[in-house]
Amino acid sequence: MTGDEFRVLALGLSDAIELPHFDRTSFRIRNKIFATLAQDQGLACLMLKPEDQDVFVAMGKDAVYPVPNKWGEKGATYMDLKSADPGLVVDALQAAYAGKKG
C-alpha cells in the first residue's frame, strides 16, 4: 500500500480530517488523532487500544510493531505500508478510528 492509498482510506472515514503534525500528516476525528503518516518513509502510526495492538502486531509479523516508547505502551502502533497486508491495514485503521470516534 502506498501513502496516497492510506490517505484516501483515512479520509474516507466519516468526518475524518487531515492536518499537519510535526513532520507528519495526521488524521483526526473530533480533533483526536487516530493515525499519522510519514509519507517519505511509507510508515503509518495508528493509535490503537493496547488490546487491539496485541492482535494486529501478532497478525502483522514484522510489518506491524509497537512504537518503541511510552506511546507504544499506550497502543501507538507502526505499520510499514509497503509490507503490511492491505486488508490488515484497513482493519487496523478502522479500529483506530473507532477508538477515537467514541
N, C-alpha and C. Protein backbone atom coordinates (compact mmCIF):
# COMPACT_ATOMS: atom_id res chain seq x y z
N MET A 1 0.85 -1.18 0.00
CA MET A 1 0.00 0.00 0.00
C MET A 1 0.90 1.24 0.00
N THR A 2 0.48 2.25 -0.71
CA THR A 2 1.23 3.50 -0.74
C THR A 2 0.68 4.47 0.30
N GLY A 3 1.44 5.51 0.57
CA GLY A 3 0.95 6.56 1.45
C GLY A 3 -0.29 7.24 0.90
N ASP A 4 -0.33 7.42 -0.41
CA ASP A 4 -1.51 8.04 -1.02
C ASP A 4 -2.75 7.16 -0.85
N GLU A 5 -2.59 5.86 -0.98
CA GLU A 5 -3.71 4.95 -0.77
C GLU A 5 -4.19 4.99 0.68
N PHE A 6 -3.22 5.05 1.61
CA PHE A 6 -3.57 5.14 3.03
C PHE A 6 -4.34 6.43 3.29
N ARG A 7 -3.90 7.53 2.72
CA ARG A 7 -4.57 8.83 2.88
C ARG A 7 -6.02 8.76 2.40
N VAL A 8 -6.23 8.16 1.25
CA VAL A 8 -7.60 8.02 0.71
C VAL A 8 -8.46 7.22 1.68
N LEU A 9 -7.93 6.13 2.21
CA LEU A 9 -8.69 5.32 3.16
C LEU A 9 -9.02 6.10 4.43
N ALA A 10 -8.03 6.80 4.97
CA ALA A 10 -8.23 7.56 6.22
C ALA A 10 -9.27 8.66 6.02
N LEU A 11 -9.16 9.37 4.92
CA LEU A 11 -10.10 10.48 4.67
C LEU A 11 -11.47 9.98 4.23
N GLY A 12 -11.56 8.71 3.89
CA GLY A 12 -12.84 8.13 3.53
C GLY A 12 -13.70 7.80 4.75
N LEU A 13 -13.10 7.87 5.93
CA LEU A 13 -13.85 7.62 7.16
C LEU A 13 -14.65 8.87 7.51
N SER A 14 -15.85 8.68 7.95
CA SER A 14 -16.79 9.79 8.21
C SER A 14 -16.20 10.85 9.13
N ASP A 15 -16.23 12.10 8.68
CA ASP A 15 -15.78 13.28 9.43
C ASP A 15 -14.28 13.32 9.70
N ALA A 16 -13.50 12.46 9.07
CA ALA A 16 -12.04 12.49 9.24
C ALA A 16 -11.46 13.69 8.51
N ILE A 17 -10.48 14.32 9.14
CA ILE A 17 -9.78 15.44 8.51
C ILE A 17 -8.27 15.19 8.56
N GLU A 18 -7.56 15.92 7.72
CA GLU A 18 -6.11 15.82 7.63
C GLU A 18 -5.49 17.14 8.07
N LEU A 19 -4.53 17.06 8.98
CA LEU A 19 -3.81 18.25 9.45
C LEU A 19 -2.33 17.89 9.65
N PRO A 20 -1.45 18.88 9.57
CA PRO A 20 -0.04 18.60 9.86
C PRO A 20 0.15 18.23 11.33
N HIS A 21 1.16 17.41 11.58
CA HIS A 21 1.52 17.03 12.94
C HIS A 21 3.03 16.86 12.96
N PHE A 22 3.75 17.90 13.37
CA PHE A 22 5.20 17.94 13.32
C PHE A 22 5.65 17.64 11.89
N ASP A 23 6.45 16.60 11.69
CA ASP A 23 6.95 16.29 10.34
C ASP A 23 6.08 15.26 9.62
N ARG A 24 4.89 15.01 10.15
CA ARG A 24 3.99 14.01 9.58
C ARG A 24 2.64 14.63 9.26
N THR A 25 1.82 13.83 8.64
CA THR A 25 0.43 14.19 8.41
C THR A 25 -0.41 13.45 9.43
N SER A 26 -1.37 14.13 10.04
CA SER A 26 -2.25 13.44 10.98
C SER A 26 -3.66 13.35 10.40
N PHE A 27 -4.36 12.33 10.85
CA PHE A 27 -5.76 12.14 10.50
C PHE A 27 -6.52 12.13 11.81
N ARG A 28 -7.58 12.96 11.86
CA ARG A 28 -8.26 13.20 13.12
C ARG A 28 -9.77 13.08 12.98
N ILE A 29 -10.38 12.75 14.10
CA ILE A 29 -11.82 12.81 14.26
C ILE A 29 -12.07 13.57 15.56
N ARG A 30 -12.89 14.61 15.48
CA ARG A 30 -13.16 15.46 16.65
C ARG A 30 -11.87 15.94 17.31
N ASN A 31 -10.91 16.31 16.51
CA ASN A 31 -9.60 16.83 16.92
C ASN A 31 -8.75 15.81 17.67
N LYS A 32 -9.10 14.53 17.58
CA LYS A 32 -8.31 13.46 18.18
C LYS A 32 -7.61 12.70 17.07
N ILE A 33 -6.31 12.56 17.20
CA ILE A 33 -5.53 11.85 16.19
C ILE A 33 -5.79 10.35 16.29
N PHE A 34 -6.17 9.76 15.16
CA PHE A 34 -6.30 8.30 15.13
C PHE A 34 -5.21 7.66 14.28
N ALA A 35 -4.51 8.46 13.47
CA ALA A 35 -3.40 7.95 12.66
C ALA A 35 -2.52 9.09 12.20
N THR A 36 -1.25 8.75 11.96
CA THR A 36 -0.33 9.68 11.32
C THR A 36 0.34 8.95 10.17
N LEU A 37 0.89 9.74 9.27
CA LEU A 37 1.55 9.18 8.09
C LEU A 37 2.87 9.90 7.85
N ALA A 38 3.95 9.12 7.78
CA ALA A 38 5.25 9.62 7.34
C ALA A 38 5.39 9.17 5.89
N GLN A 39 4.91 9.98 4.99
CA GLN A 39 4.80 9.65 3.57
C GLN A 39 6.13 9.17 2.99
N ASP A 40 7.20 9.89 3.27
CA ASP A 40 8.50 9.57 2.69
C ASP A 40 9.06 8.23 3.19
N GLN A 41 8.61 7.77 4.34
CA GLN A 41 9.07 6.50 4.90
C GLN A 41 8.10 5.36 4.63
N GLY A 42 6.90 5.69 4.14
CA GLY A 42 5.89 4.65 3.94
C GLY A 42 5.45 4.04 5.25
N LEU A 43 5.40 4.88 6.29
CA LEU A 43 5.13 4.41 7.64
C LEU A 43 3.91 5.12 8.22
N ALA A 44 2.94 4.32 8.65
CA ALA A 44 1.77 4.87 9.33
C ALA A 44 1.88 4.54 10.81
N CYS A 45 1.33 5.41 11.64
CA CYS A 45 1.23 5.14 13.07
C CYS A 45 -0.25 5.22 13.42
N LEU A 46 -0.76 4.14 14.00
CA LEU A 46 -2.17 4.07 14.36
C LEU A 46 -2.30 4.09 15.88
N MET A 47 -3.24 4.86 16.36
CA MET A 47 -3.49 4.96 17.79
C MET A 47 -4.55 3.93 18.18
N LEU A 48 -4.08 2.74 18.54
CA LEU A 48 -4.96 1.63 18.86
C LEU A 48 -5.12 1.47 20.37
N LYS A 49 -6.15 0.75 20.76
CA LYS A 49 -6.25 0.31 22.15
C LYS A 49 -5.18 -0.76 22.33
N PRO A 50 -4.56 -0.84 23.52
CA PRO A 50 -3.49 -1.84 23.71
C PRO A 50 -3.92 -3.27 23.36
N GLU A 51 -5.16 -3.64 23.67
CA GLU A 51 -5.59 -5.00 23.35
C GLU A 51 -5.73 -5.19 21.83
N ASP A 52 -6.10 -4.14 21.10
CA ASP A 52 -6.14 -4.21 19.64
C ASP A 52 -4.73 -4.27 19.09
N GLN A 53 -3.83 -3.51 19.70
CA GLN A 53 -2.44 -3.52 19.26
C GLN A 53 -1.88 -4.95 19.31
N ASP A 54 -2.14 -5.66 20.38
CA ASP A 54 -1.63 -7.02 20.52
C ASP A 54 -2.07 -7.90 19.35
N VAL A 55 -3.33 -7.78 18.98
CA VAL A 55 -3.88 -8.59 17.89
C VAL A 55 -3.23 -8.23 16.56
N PHE A 56 -3.15 -6.94 16.26
CA PHE A 56 -2.60 -6.53 14.96
C PHE A 56 -1.10 -6.81 14.86
N VAL A 57 -0.37 -6.67 15.96
CA VAL A 57 1.06 -7.00 15.94
C VAL A 57 1.24 -8.49 15.67
N ALA A 58 0.44 -9.32 16.32
CA ALA A 58 0.54 -10.77 16.12
C ALA A 58 0.22 -11.15 14.67
N MET A 59 -0.74 -10.48 14.08
CA MET A 59 -1.15 -10.79 12.70
C MET A 59 -0.21 -10.18 11.67
N GLY A 60 0.46 -9.09 12.04
CA GLY A 60 1.25 -8.34 11.07
C GLY A 60 2.70 -8.72 10.93
N LYS A 61 3.13 -9.71 11.70
CA LYS A 61 4.53 -10.15 11.65
C LYS A 61 5.47 -8.96 11.83
N ASP A 62 6.48 -8.83 10.99
CA ASP A 62 7.47 -7.75 11.15
C ASP A 62 7.00 -6.41 10.59
N ALA A 63 5.86 -6.38 9.92
CA ALA A 63 5.37 -5.14 9.30
C ALA A 63 4.57 -4.27 10.27
N VAL A 64 4.21 -4.82 11.42
CA VAL A 64 3.40 -4.11 12.41
C VAL A 64 4.06 -4.27 13.77
N TYR A 65 4.33 -3.15 14.44
CA TYR A 65 5.03 -3.24 15.73
C TYR A 65 4.73 -2.01 16.58
N PRO A 66 4.79 -2.17 17.90
CA PRO A 66 4.53 -1.04 18.79
C PRO A 66 5.60 0.05 18.63
N VAL A 67 5.20 1.30 18.76
CA VAL A 67 6.16 2.39 18.78
C VAL A 67 7.06 2.15 20.01
N PRO A 68 8.38 2.21 19.86
CA PRO A 68 9.28 1.83 20.96
C PRO A 68 9.45 2.94 22.01
N ASN A 69 8.36 3.33 22.65
CA ASN A 69 8.42 4.31 23.73
C ASN A 69 7.13 4.23 24.54
N LYS A 70 6.89 5.21 25.39
CA LYS A 70 5.68 5.22 26.23
C LYS A 70 4.40 5.24 25.39
N TRP A 71 4.44 5.91 24.23
CA TRP A 71 3.25 5.92 23.35
C TRP A 71 2.93 4.51 22.89
N GLY A 72 3.95 3.73 22.61
CA GLY A 72 3.75 2.35 22.19
C GLY A 72 3.08 1.51 23.27
N GLU A 73 3.42 1.79 24.51
CA GLU A 73 2.79 1.08 25.63
C GLU A 73 1.31 1.43 25.75
N LYS A 74 0.93 2.58 25.21
CA LYS A 74 -0.47 3.02 25.26
C LYS A 74 -1.24 2.63 23.99
N GLY A 75 -0.58 1.95 23.05
CA GLY A 75 -1.26 1.47 21.86
C GLY A 75 -0.79 2.06 20.53
N ALA A 76 0.12 3.03 20.56
CA ALA A 76 0.63 3.59 19.30
C ALA A 76 1.39 2.49 18.55
N THR A 77 0.99 2.28 17.30
CA THR A 77 1.47 1.12 16.54
C THR A 77 1.92 1.53 15.15
N TYR A 78 3.16 1.18 14.81
CA TYR A 78 3.67 1.45 13.47
C TYR A 78 3.24 0.36 12.51
N MET A 79 2.96 0.78 11.27
CA MET A 79 2.68 -0.16 10.19
C MET A 79 3.52 0.24 8.98
N ASP A 80 4.34 -0.69 8.53
CA ASP A 80 5.11 -0.48 7.31
C ASP A 80 4.16 -0.74 6.15
N LEU A 81 3.73 0.33 5.50
CA LEU A 81 2.70 0.22 4.48
C LEU A 81 3.13 -0.60 3.27
N LYS A 82 4.42 -0.64 3.01
CA LYS A 82 4.91 -1.38 1.84
C LYS A 82 4.82 -2.88 2.05
N SER A 83 4.95 -3.34 3.28
CA SER A 83 4.97 -4.78 3.51
C SER A 83 3.78 -5.32 4.31
N ALA A 84 2.99 -4.47 4.92
CA ALA A 84 1.82 -4.94 5.67
C ALA A 84 0.72 -5.37 4.70
N ASP A 85 -0.01 -6.38 5.08
CA ASP A 85 -1.14 -6.83 4.28
C ASP A 85 -2.16 -5.70 4.19
N PRO A 86 -2.60 -5.33 2.99
CA PRO A 86 -3.55 -4.22 2.84
C PRO A 86 -4.84 -4.39 3.65
N GLY A 87 -5.36 -5.60 3.71
CA GLY A 87 -6.57 -5.84 4.49
C GLY A 87 -6.34 -5.59 5.98
N LEU A 88 -5.15 -5.95 6.46
CA LEU A 88 -4.80 -5.70 7.86
C LEU A 88 -4.71 -4.21 8.13
N VAL A 89 -4.13 -3.47 7.19
CA VAL A 89 -4.03 -2.01 7.33
C VAL A 89 -5.43 -1.40 7.43
N VAL A 90 -6.32 -1.83 6.57
CA VAL A 90 -7.70 -1.31 6.58
C VAL A 90 -8.36 -1.62 7.92
N ASP A 91 -8.24 -2.85 8.38
CA ASP A 91 -8.86 -3.24 9.65
C ASP A 91 -8.29 -2.43 10.82
N ALA A 92 -6.99 -2.27 10.85
CA ALA A 92 -6.35 -1.52 11.93
C ALA A 92 -6.73 -0.04 11.88
N LEU A 93 -6.80 0.51 10.70
CA LEU A 93 -7.20 1.90 10.54
C LEU A 93 -8.63 2.11 11.06
N GLN A 94 -9.50 1.20 10.72
CA GLN A 94 -10.90 1.30 11.20
C GLN A 94 -10.97 1.15 12.72
N ALA A 95 -10.14 0.28 13.29
CA ALA A 95 -10.10 0.11 14.75
C ALA A 95 -9.60 1.38 15.43
N ALA A 96 -8.56 1.99 14.88
CA ALA A 96 -8.03 3.24 15.45
C ALA A 96 -9.07 4.35 15.37
N TYR A 97 -9.71 4.46 14.25
CA TYR A 97 -10.76 5.46 14.05
C TYR A 97 -11.90 5.26 15.04
N ALA A 98 -12.37 4.02 15.17
CA ALA A 98 -13.48 3.71 16.07
C ALA A 98 -13.11 4.03 17.52
N GLY A 99 -11.86 3.80 17.88
CA GLY A 99 -11.41 4.08 19.24
C GLY A 99 -11.42 5.56 19.59
N LYS A 100 -11.23 6.41 18.59
CA LYS A 100 -11.24 7.86 18.83
C LYS A 100 -12.60 8.48 18.57
N LYS A 101 -13.41 7.82 17.76
CA LYS A 101 -14.74 8.36 17.45
C LYS A 101 -15.62 8.33 18.68
N GLY A 102 -15.45 7.27 19.47
CA GLY A 102 -16.08 7.08 20.75
C GLY A 102 -17.49 7.32 20.87
